[in-house]
């Protein structure tokens, strides 16, 4: 054997570890569970903090509008923060009486249109949805497809022929162009929403009612309507929000300043030829926003149930 050759040596052996006892296993498992729980809590806290920061970022314009409604005009655009250095409530009193009529009259005009729109959509859209979901008639699928197509048409495509039609009927400068179409089931979104909801209701209930001698009208009124409460509430809330916030349609059809709605009246505070009263504008914007906020606050439970369209249980 030469010097360059290496001598193989046996690998060192380590003594085998003794098996863990039951108490050691339990303590190690408890430590692992505690560590996992801490990681889950940290992840949950981080997620909630991120959501809160994102929510504050999204709410910043609204919060800034509320704060600016309590500032004098000279301090509004010079301070982007949310801390109040002055508390000027005169913007609300000045804005309420700044126009030709008290701002409450414009809120009442908006309420009239909203009430008519809600009644029209709830009644006619539910009837149309029941027909599509339960009745059998010719060209049913074609009619349903045509209804879905109307959901894809923007209002700017339809506004000119609608305006010509309502002008020939003599309805311009009235609330009829804003209310009457709601009684003709023109909102395809709500029809589709209710159709999906009714399809989730078991047909055995209809068959049992027919065995008792009930017709379609009785089935719809006494059976379907109580089960459709979430969908009807969703329709009412969305109609309220969309109609209350509508500006384009109300600006086109209503020309008399005394008949202005709240959204159109807010535009009167901004004048491109003279000084605009932004303090009063923000104050009345807050007043106009309150009904929408309250409607969403108290109706969010029905919104979630209605949009989910889970059907009757």
Protein backbone atom coordinates (compact mmCIF):
# COMPACT_ATOMS: atom_id res chain seq x y z
CA UNK A 1 0.00 0.00 0.00
CA UNK A 2 1.45 3.38 -1.03
CA UNK A 3 1.36 6.66 0.84
CA UNK A 4 -1.07 8.18 -1.75
CA UNK A 5 -3.69 5.61 -0.94
CA UNK A 6 -6.25 6.63 1.61
CA UNK A 7 -7.30 4.46 4.41
CA UNK A 8 -11.05 3.97 4.67
CA UNK A 9 -12.39 4.55 8.12
CA UNK A 10 -15.79 3.57 9.40
CA UNK A 11 -18.32 6.37 9.69
CA UNK A 12 -18.89 7.55 13.22
CA UNK A 13 -22.05 6.32 14.73
CA UNK A 14 -24.37 8.51 16.81
CA UNK A 15 -26.39 7.16 19.60
CA UNK A 16 -30.08 6.81 18.69
CA UNK A 17 -32.40 9.40 20.20
CA UNK A 18 -34.84 8.05 22.67
CA UNK A 19 -38.48 8.19 21.50
CA UNK A 20 -40.56 11.16 22.61
CA UNK A 21 -42.85 10.65 25.48
CA UNK A 22 -46.56 11.45 25.29
CA UNK A 23 -46.08 14.57 27.35
CA UNK A 24 -43.33 15.83 25.02
CA UNK A 25 -45.50 15.13 21.96
CA UNK A 26 -48.40 17.05 23.49
CA UNK A 27 -46.19 20.00 24.41
CA UNK A 28 -44.61 20.11 20.93
CA UNK A 29 -48.05 19.90 19.26
CA UNK A 30 -49.37 22.68 21.49
CA UNK A 31 -46.37 24.87 20.61
CA UNK A 32 -46.91 24.27 16.88
CA UNK A 33 -50.61 25.07 17.17
CA UNK A 34 -49.85 28.24 19.13
CA UNK A 35 -47.32 29.33 16.49
CA UNK A 36 -49.83 28.63 13.70
CA UNK A 37 -52.51 30.56 15.57
CA UNK A 38 -50.15 33.53 16.00
CA UNK A 39 -49.36 33.53 12.27
CA UNK A 40 -53.07 33.39 11.40
CA UNK A 41 -53.82 36.26 13.77
CA UNK A 42 -51.00 38.37 12.32
CA UNK A 43 -52.22 37.64 8.79
CA UNK A 44 -55.79 38.55 9.78
CA UNK A 45 -54.67 41.77 11.45
CA UNK A 46 -52.59 42.72 8.42
CA UNK A 47 -55.51 42.00 6.08
CA UNK A 48 -57.93 44.08 8.15
CA UNK A 49 -55.47 46.96 8.44
CA UNK A 50 -54.99 46.92 4.67
CA UNK A 51 -58.75 46.88 4.06
CA UNK A 52 -59.26 49.75 6.51
CA UNK A 53 -56.58 51.84 4.80
CA UNK A 54 -58.05 51.06 1.39
CA UNK A 55 -61.52 51.96 2.66
CA UNK A 56 -60.28 55.27 4.05
CA UNK A 57 -58.59 56.00 0.73
CA UNK A 58 -61.85 55.38 -1.11
CA UNK A 59 -63.87 57.39 1.41
CA UNK A 60 -61.47 60.33 1.43
CA UNK A 61 -63.36 62.38 -1.24
CA UNK A 62 -66.63 61.95 0.66
CA UNK A 63 -65.04 62.80 4.00
CA UNK A 64 -63.33 65.81 2.47
CA UNK A 65 -66.67 67.00 1.07
CA UNK A 66 -68.30 66.70 4.50
CA UNK A 67 -65.43 68.58 6.16
CA UNK A 68 -65.39 71.23 3.41
CA UNK A 69 -69.09 71.88 3.95
CA UNK A 70 -68.12 73.22 7.39
CA UNK A 71 -65.39 75.54 6.11
CA UNK A 72 -65.64 79.07 4.70
CA UNK A 73 -65.25 79.38 0.95
CA UNK A 74 -61.78 80.85 1.27
CA UNK A 75 -60.47 77.85 3.24
CA UNK A 76 -61.91 75.00 1.17
CA UNK A 77 -59.38 74.45 -1.61
CA UNK A 78 -56.40 75.65 0.36
CA UNK A 79 -56.58 72.81 2.87
CA UNK A 80 -56.74 69.22 1.57
CA UNK A 81 -56.72 67.76 5.08
CA UNK A 82 -59.62 66.45 7.12
CA UNK A 83 -59.00 68.43 10.30
CA UNK A 84 -61.28 71.39 10.94
CA UNK A 85 -59.71 74.66 12.00
CA UNK A 86 -63.05 76.50 11.69
CA UNK A 87 -66.62 75.29 12.11
CA UNK A 88 -68.86 77.21 9.69
CA UNK A 89 -72.41 75.88 9.80
CA UNK A 90 -73.74 78.86 7.86
CA UNK A 91 -73.07 76.99 4.62
CA UNK A 92 -76.08 74.80 5.33
CA UNK A 93 -78.47 77.67 6.04
CA UNK A 94 -77.13 79.67 3.11
CA UNK A 95 -77.31 76.72 0.73
CA UNK A 96 -80.82 75.79 1.84
CA UNK A 97 -82.14 79.23 0.86
CA UNK A 98 -79.68 80.17 -1.92
CA UNK A 99 -81.86 79.22 -4.91
CA UNK A 100 -85.27 80.37 -6.08
CA UNK A 101 -86.98 77.78 -3.90
CA UNK A 102 -85.88 76.30 -0.56
CA UNK A 103 -83.78 73.25 -1.17
CA UNK A 104 -86.41 71.11 0.52
CA UNK A 105 -88.72 71.62 -2.48
CA UNK A 106 -86.09 70.10 -4.78
CA UNK A 107 -85.72 67.15 -2.42
CA UNK A 108 -89.50 66.73 -2.56
CA UNK A 109 -89.43 66.75 -6.36
CA UNK A 110 -86.79 64.03 -6.31
CA UNK A 111 -88.88 62.05 -3.82
CA UNK A 112 -91.92 62.19 -6.13
CA UNK A 113 -89.93 60.77 -9.05
CA UNK A 114 -88.27 58.15 -6.85
CA UNK A 115 -91.58 56.98 -5.39
CA UNK A 116 -93.19 56.61 -8.81
CA UNK A 117 -90.15 54.81 -10.18
CA UNK A 118 -90.02 52.37 -7.27
CA UNK A 119 -93.71 51.49 -7.56
CA UNK A 120 -93.44 51.07 -11.33
CA UNK A 121 -90.35 48.87 -11.24
CA UNK A 122 -91.53 46.68 -8.37
CA UNK A 123 -94.96 46.02 -9.90
CA UNK A 124 -94.21 45.64 -13.60
CA UNK A 125 -90.77 44.02 -13.38
CA UNK A 126 -92.07 41.39 -10.97
CA UNK A 127 -94.99 40.62 -13.30
CA UNK A 128 -92.69 40.35 -16.31
CA UNK A 129 -90.26 38.17 -14.36
CA UNK A 130 -93.04 35.81 -13.30
CA UNK A 131 -94.16 35.49 -16.92
CA UNK A 132 -90.63 34.66 -18.12
CA UNK A 133 -89.97 32.24 -15.27
CA UNK A 134 -93.27 30.35 -15.01
CA UNK A 135 -95.53 30.90 -18.04
CA UNK A 136 -95.30 29.29 -21.44
CA UNK A 137 -95.99 31.43 -24.48
CA UNK A 138 -94.79 31.82 -28.04
CA UNK A 139 -91.49 33.59 -28.69
CA UNK A 140 -90.66 33.41 -24.99
CA UNK A 141 -86.94 32.85 -25.50
CA UNK A 142 -86.77 35.47 -28.24
CA UNK A 143 -88.52 38.01 -26.01
CA UNK A 144 -86.20 37.21 -23.11
CA UNK A 145 -83.15 37.60 -25.36
CA UNK A 146 -84.47 40.94 -26.63
CA UNK A 147 -84.94 42.05 -23.04
CA UNK A 148 -81.34 41.12 -22.25
CA UNK A 149 -80.14 43.09 -25.29
CA UNK A 150 -81.80 46.23 -23.95
CA UNK A 151 -79.52 46.00 -20.91
CA UNK A 152 -76.52 46.53 -23.19
CA UNK A 153 -77.82 49.72 -24.83
CA UNK A 154 -76.51 52.93 -23.23
CA UNK A 155 -79.01 55.67 -22.47
CA UNK A 156 -77.25 58.03 -24.89
CA UNK A 157 -78.36 55.83 -27.80
CA UNK A 158 -82.02 56.00 -26.76
CA UNK A 159 -82.29 59.55 -25.46
CA UNK A 160 -82.96 61.22 -28.85
CA UNK A 161 -85.82 58.97 -30.04
CA UNK A 162 -87.27 59.00 -26.53
CA UNK A 163 -87.11 62.78 -26.38
CA UNK A 164 -88.84 63.09 -29.77
CA UNK A 165 -91.58 60.68 -28.62
CA UNK A 166 -92.18 62.46 -25.32
CA UNK A 167 -92.10 65.86 -27.04
CA UNK A 168 -94.86 64.73 -29.41
CA UNK A 169 -96.86 63.55 -26.40
CA UNK A 170 -96.39 66.94 -24.73
CA UNK A 171 -94.60 65.47 -21.72
CA UNK A 172 -91.53 67.71 -21.76
CA UNK A 173 -91.07 69.74 -18.56
CA UNK A 174 -93.08 67.16 -16.62
CA UNK A 175 -92.13 64.14 -14.55
CA UNK A 176 -94.01 61.73 -16.83
CA UNK A 177 -90.97 60.79 -19.02
CA UNK A 178 -89.12 59.82 -15.83
CA UNK A 179 -91.95 57.81 -14.23
CA UNK A 180 -94.19 56.32 -16.94
CA UNK A 181 -91.48 54.10 -18.55
CA UNK A 182 -90.99 52.42 -15.16
CA UNK A 183 -94.59 51.15 -15.41
CA UNK A 184 -93.74 49.47 -18.72
CA UNK A 185 -91.03 47.15 -17.33
CA UNK A 186 -88.21 48.88 -19.17
CA UNK A 187 -85.45 48.01 -16.66
CA UNK A 188 -84.16 44.68 -17.90
CA UNK A 189 -81.70 44.32 -15.03
CA UNK A 190 -84.46 43.98 -12.45
CA UNK A 191 -86.45 41.60 -14.64
CA UNK A 192 -83.39 39.38 -15.03
CA UNK A 193 -82.72 39.56 -11.28
CA UNK A 194 -86.26 38.48 -10.41
CA UNK A 195 -86.33 35.76 -13.08
CA UNK A 196 -83.24 34.18 -11.55
CA UNK A 197 -84.81 34.45 -8.10
CA UNK A 198 -88.12 32.88 -9.16
CA UNK A 199 -86.31 30.02 -10.88
CA UNK A 200 -84.84 29.14 -7.51
CA UNK A 201 -88.30 28.70 -6.00
CA UNK A 202 -89.46 25.06 -6.26
CA UNK A 203 -92.15 24.53 -8.89
CA UNK A 204 -93.86 22.06 -6.56
CA UNK A 205 -95.28 25.05 -4.70
CA UNK A 206 -96.99 26.23 -7.90
CA UNK A 207 -98.35 22.77 -8.59
CA UNK A 208 -99.73 22.47 -5.06
CA UNK A 209 -101.44 25.84 -5.45
CA UNK A 210 -102.98 24.80 -8.78
CA UNK A 211 -104.35 21.64 -7.16
CA UNK A 212 -106.10 23.92 -4.65
CA UNK A 213 -107.65 25.80 -7.58
CA UNK A 214 -105.40 28.88 -7.62
CA UNK A 215 -104.78 30.69 -10.89
CA UNK A 216 -101.69 32.54 -12.01
CA UNK A 217 -102.77 35.83 -10.42
CA UNK A 218 -103.44 34.24 -7.06
CA UNK A 219 -100.19 32.24 -7.21
CA UNK A 220 -98.27 35.42 -8.01
CA UNK A 221 -99.88 37.57 -5.31
CA UNK A 222 -100.22 35.09 -2.45
CA UNK A 223 -97.30 32.75 -3.12
CA UNK A 224 -94.57 34.42 -5.17
CA UNK A 225 -94.58 37.94 -3.81
CA UNK A 226 -93.95 36.92 -0.17
CA UNK A 227 -91.09 34.65 -1.27
CA UNK A 228 -89.66 37.37 -3.52
CA UNK A 229 -89.20 39.86 -0.70
CA UNK A 230 -85.37 40.01 -0.99
CA UNK A 231 -85.53 40.54 -4.75
CA UNK A 232 -88.27 43.16 -4.43
CA UNK A 233 -86.32 44.98 -1.73
CA UNK A 234 -83.19 44.91 -3.91
CA UNK A 235 -85.17 46.35 -6.81
CA UNK A 236 -86.61 49.10 -4.62
CA UNK A 237 -83.22 50.05 -3.13
CA UNK A 238 -81.37 50.10 -6.45
CA UNK A 239 -84.20 52.06 -8.08
CA UNK A 240 -84.08 54.56 -5.26
CA UNK A 241 -80.32 55.03 -5.51
CA UNK A 242 -80.17 55.23 -9.31
CA UNK A 243 -83.18 57.52 -9.65
CA UNK A 244 -82.14 59.80 -6.79
CA UNK A 245 -78.66 60.20 -8.28
CA UNK A 246 -79.85 60.55 -11.86
CA UNK A 247 -78.76 63.81 -13.45
CA UNK A 248 -78.75 63.40 -17.21
CA UNK A 249 -82.37 62.31 -17.71
CA UNK A 250 -83.76 64.84 -15.24
CA UNK A 251 -81.73 67.62 -16.83
CA UNK A 252 -83.05 66.74 -20.31
CA UNK A 253 -86.75 66.49 -19.53
CA UNK A 254 -87.21 69.04 -16.72
CA UNK A 255 -86.61 72.64 -17.81
CA UNK A 256 -88.62 74.64 -15.26
CA UNK A 257 -86.37 75.68 -12.34
CA UNK A 258 -89.26 75.24 -9.91
CA UNK A 259 -89.50 71.57 -10.95
CA UNK A 260 -85.78 70.85 -10.62
CA UNK A 261 -84.76 67.79 -8.66
CA UNK A 262 -82.02 67.83 -6.04
CA UNK A 263 -79.31 66.57 -8.41
CA UNK A 264 -80.16 69.22 -11.02
CA UNK A 265 -80.51 71.97 -8.41
CA UNK A 266 -76.98 71.28 -7.17
CA UNK A 267 -75.67 72.38 -10.56
CA UNK A 268 -77.15 75.84 -9.97
CA UNK A 269 -74.55 76.49 -7.27
CA UNK A 270 -71.76 76.35 -9.89
CA UNK A 271 -71.73 79.25 -12.34
CA UNK A 272 -69.00 79.53 -14.97
CA UNK A 273 -69.64 83.26 -15.44
CA UNK A 274 -69.61 84.35 -11.82
CA UNK A 275 -68.26 83.25 -8.48
CA UNK A 276 -69.41 79.81 -7.39
CA UNK A 277 -70.52 79.13 -3.84
CA UNK A 278 -68.70 75.86 -3.16
CA UNK A 279 -69.40 75.90 0.56
CA UNK A 280 -73.15 75.88 -0.02
CA UNK A 281 -72.70 73.35 -2.82
CA UNK A 282 -70.87 70.91 -0.55
CA UNK A 283 -73.39 71.46 2.24
CA UNK A 284 -76.36 70.63 0.01
CA UNK A 285 -74.42 67.74 -1.49
CA UNK A 286 -74.14 66.27 2.00
CA UNK A 287 -77.88 66.77 2.52
CA UNK A 288 -78.61 65.08 -0.82
CA UNK A 289 -76.27 62.19 -0.01
CA UNK A 290 -77.89 61.38 3.33
CA UNK A 291 -80.99 59.57 1.92
CA UNK A 292 -78.79 57.37 -0.27
CA UNK A 293 -76.53 56.55 2.66
CA UNK A 294 -79.48 55.67 4.88
CA UNK A 295 -81.10 53.55 2.16
CA UNK A 296 -77.92 51.53 1.73
CA UNK A 297 -77.30 51.31 5.48
CA UNK A 298 -80.71 49.89 6.34
CA UNK A 299 -81.14 47.88 3.13
CA UNK A 300 -77.76 46.18 2.77
CA UNK A 301 -79.12 42.96 4.27
CA UNK A 302 -81.77 42.75 1.55
CA UNK A 303 -79.24 43.73 -1.09
CA UNK A 304 -76.98 40.81 -0.23
CA UNK A 305 -79.85 38.33 -0.13
CA UNK A 306 -81.42 39.64 -3.30
CA UNK A 307 -78.27 39.72 -5.41
CA UNK A 308 -77.35 36.21 -4.30
CA UNK A 309 -80.71 35.02 -5.72
CA UNK A 310 -80.80 31.97 -3.50
CA UNK A 311 -84.53 31.43 -3.97
CA UNK A 312 -87.01 30.14 -1.45
CA UNK A 313 -86.06 27.76 1.31
